[in-house]
């Protein structure tokens, strides 16, 4: 096997550093950020956008996640989930008024 076909240690380490760990916090924060973008609170690569139906879907997914993981999260995970859900629900309500 030639050394050209196998990734070197530096490439593997750089790839690992660029990709966040896939854990509960990463998933919750990813959905949170998507909802913020769709609510028009945070810009994405294309600038500001608003899609309230899409935002509501992201918020509902976080709600289902909270419901299905109740009692199985660490204290920090539970606090994070409750905090982002509250923040997003308030922001959504303010925008649909």
C-alpha atoms as a PDB file:
ATOM      1  CA  UNK A   1       0.000   0.000   0.000  1.00  0.00           C
ATOM      2  CA  UNK A   2       1.511   3.318  -0.991  1.00  0.00           C
ATOM      3  CA  UNK A   3       1.759   6.225   1.417  1.00  0.00           C
ATOM      4  CA  UNK A   4      -0.065   8.418  -1.147  1.00  0.00           C
ATOM      5  CA  UNK A   5      -3.372   6.637  -0.547  1.00  0.00           C
ATOM      6  CA  UNK A   6      -3.386   6.908   3.253  1.00  0.00           C
ATOM      7  CA  UNK A   7      -4.090  10.245   4.960  1.00  0.00           C
ATOM      8  CA  UNK A   8      -1.216  11.562   6.999  1.00  0.00           C
ATOM      9  CA  UNK A   9      -1.495  12.405  10.692  1.00  0.00           C
ATOM     10  CA  UNK A  10      -1.564  16.177  10.067  1.00  0.00           C
ATOM     11  CA  UNK A  11      -4.476  15.894   7.614  1.00  0.00           C
ATOM     12  CA  UNK A  12      -6.441  13.655   9.976  1.00  0.00           C
ATOM     13  CA  UNK A  13      -5.839  16.009  12.916  1.00  0.00           C
ATOM     14  CA  UNK A  14      -6.876  19.045  10.836  1.00  0.00           C
ATOM     15  CA  UNK A  15     -10.069  17.298   9.691  1.00  0.00           C
ATOM     16  CA  UNK A  16     -10.920  16.395  13.294  1.00  0.00           C
ATOM     17  CA  UNK A  17     -10.367  19.955  14.482  1.00  0.00           C
ATOM     18  CA  UNK A  18     -12.574  21.381  11.715  1.00  0.00           C
ATOM     19  CA  UNK A  19     -15.471  19.024  12.420  1.00  0.00           C
ATOM     20  CA  UNK A  20     -17.214  19.506  15.775  1.00  0.00           C
ATOM     21  CA  UNK A  21     -17.921  16.453  17.891  1.00  0.00           C
ATOM     22  CA  UNK A  22     -21.291  14.936  17.110  1.00  0.00           C
ATOM     23  CA  UNK A  23     -23.053  14.921  20.450  1.00  0.00           C
ATOM     24  CA  UNK A  24     -26.337  16.101  21.898  1.00  0.00           C
ATOM     25  CA  UNK A  25     -25.100  19.666  22.430  1.00  0.00           C
ATOM     26  CA  UNK A  26     -23.933  19.959  18.817  1.00  0.00           C
ATOM     27  CA  UNK A  27     -27.300  18.745  17.535  1.00  0.00           C
ATOM     28  CA  UNK A  28     -29.269  21.121  19.779  1.00  0.00           C
ATOM     29  CA  UNK A  29     -27.076  24.095  18.898  1.00  0.00           C
ATOM     30  CA  UNK A  30     -27.271  23.292  15.186  1.00  0.00           C
ATOM     31  CA  UNK A  31     -31.081  23.316  15.285  1.00  0.00           C
ATOM     32  CA  UNK A  32     -30.970  26.495  17.390  1.00  0.00           C
ATOM     33  CA  UNK A  33     -28.733  28.281  14.897  1.00  0.00           C
ATOM     34  CA  UNK A  34     -30.897  27.168  11.972  1.00  0.00           C
ATOM     35  CA  UNK A  35     -33.979  28.537  13.709  1.00  0.00           C
ATOM     36  CA  UNK A  36     -32.222  31.857  14.422  1.00  0.00           C
ATOM     37  CA  UNK A  37     -31.371  32.168  10.736  1.00  0.00           C
ATOM     38  CA  UNK A  38     -34.924  31.342   9.677  1.00  0.00           C
ATOM     39  CA  UNK A  39     -36.323  33.843  12.175  1.00  0.00           C
ATOM     40  CA  UNK A  40     -34.182  36.525  10.561  1.00  0.00           C
ATOM     41  CA  UNK A  41     -32.156  37.073  13.737  1.00  0.00           C
ATOM     42  CA  UNK A  42     -28.863  35.762  12.388  1.00  0.00           C
ATOM     43  CA  UNK A  43     -27.488  35.997   8.860  1.00  0.00           C
ATOM     44  CA  UNK A  44     -26.317  32.990   6.912  1.00  0.00           C
ATOM     45  CA  UNK A  45     -23.935  32.893   3.935  1.00  0.00           C
ATOM     46  CA  UNK A  46     -26.676  34.461   1.765  1.00  0.00           C
ATOM     47  CA  UNK A  47     -27.455  37.270   4.202  1.00  0.00           C
ATOM     48  CA  UNK A  48     -30.602  37.727   6.257  1.00  0.00           C
ATOM     49  CA  UNK A  49     -33.676  35.682   5.492  1.00  0.00           C
ATOM     50  CA  UNK A  50     -36.986  34.991   7.163  1.00  0.00           C
ATOM     51  CA  UNK A  51     -38.983  31.800   6.904  1.00  0.00           C
ATOM     52  CA  UNK A  52     -41.347  31.574   9.867  1.00  0.00           C
ATOM     53  CA  UNK A  53     -42.719  28.184   8.823  1.00  0.00           C
ATOM     54  CA  UNK A  54     -39.190  26.802   8.616  1.00  0.00           C
ATOM     55  CA  UNK A  55     -38.317  28.367  11.969  1.00  0.00           C
ATOM     56  CA  UNK A  56     -41.407  26.841  13.556  1.00  0.00           C
ATOM     57  CA  UNK A  57     -40.375  23.427  12.205  1.00  0.00           C
ATOM     58  CA  UNK A  58     -36.885  23.763  13.750  1.00  0.00           C
ATOM     59  CA  UNK A  59     -38.418  24.825  17.070  1.00  0.00           C
ATOM     60  CA  UNK A  60     -40.851  21.908  16.956  1.00  0.00           C
ATOM     61  CA  UNK A  61     -37.967  19.496  16.280  1.00  0.00           C
ATOM     62  CA  UNK A  62     -36.218  20.793  19.392  1.00  0.00           C
ATOM     63  CA  UNK A  63     -39.474  20.327  21.300  1.00  0.00           C
ATOM     64  CA  UNK A  64     -39.755  16.708  20.161  1.00  0.00           C
ATOM     65  CA  UNK A  65     -36.115  16.175  21.083  1.00  0.00           C
ATOM     66  CA  UNK A  66     -36.820  17.555  24.565  1.00  0.00           C
ATOM     67  CA  UNK A  67     -39.876  15.350  24.957  1.00  0.00           C
ATOM     68  CA  UNK A  68     -38.190  12.164  23.760  1.00  0.00           C
ATOM     69  CA  UNK A  69     -35.007  12.653  25.806  1.00  0.00           C
ATOM     70  CA  UNK A  70     -36.673  13.735  29.065  1.00  0.00           C
ATOM     71  CA  UNK A  71     -34.936  12.068  31.982  1.00  0.00           C
ATOM     72  CA  UNK A  72     -32.010  10.916  29.830  1.00  0.00           C
ATOM     73  CA  UNK A  73     -29.999  14.148  29.592  1.00  0.00           C
ATOM     74  CA  UNK A  74     -27.259  15.493  31.776  1.00  0.00           C
ATOM     75  CA  UNK A  75     -28.103  18.578  33.799  1.00  0.00           C
ATOM     76  CA  UNK A  76     -26.132  20.760  31.367  1.00  0.00           C
ATOM     77  CA  UNK A  77     -27.851  19.253  28.299  1.00  0.00           C
ATOM     78  CA  UNK A  78     -31.273  19.708  29.855  1.00  0.00           C
ATOM     79  CA  UNK A  79     -30.520  23.332  30.777  1.00  0.00           C
ATOM     80  CA  UNK A  80     -29.229  24.046  27.272  1.00  0.00           C
ATOM     81  CA  UNK A  81     -32.309  22.550  25.646  1.00  0.00           C
ATOM     82  CA  UNK A  82     -34.731  24.411  27.921  1.00  0.00           C
ATOM     83  CA  UNK A  83     -32.851  27.680  27.361  1.00  0.00           C
ATOM     84  CA  UNK A  84     -32.746  27.498  23.561  1.00  0.00           C
ATOM     85  CA  UNK A  85     -36.382  26.414  23.369  1.00  0.00           C
ATOM     86  CA  UNK A  86     -37.468  29.331  25.547  1.00  0.00           C
ATOM     87  CA  UNK A  87     -35.374  31.812  23.559  1.00  0.00           C
ATOM     88  CA  UNK A  88     -36.665  30.558  20.216  1.00  0.00           C
ATOM     89  CA  UNK A  89     -40.309  30.377  21.301  1.00  0.00           C
ATOM     90  CA  UNK A  90     -40.193  33.976  22.559  1.00  0.00           C
ATOM     91  CA  UNK A  91     -38.479  35.175  19.361  1.00  0.00           C
ATOM     92  CA  UNK A  92     -40.993  33.301  17.183  1.00  0.00           C
ATOM     93  CA  UNK A  93     -43.947  34.723  19.101  1.00  0.00           C
ATOM     94  CA  UNK A  94     -42.581  38.260  18.755  1.00  0.00           C
ATOM     95  CA  UNK A  95     -42.204  37.843  15.000  1.00  0.00           C
ATOM     96  CA  UNK A  96     -45.674  36.436  14.302  1.00  0.00           C
ATOM     97  CA  UNK A  97     -47.461  39.195  16.231  1.00  0.00           C
END
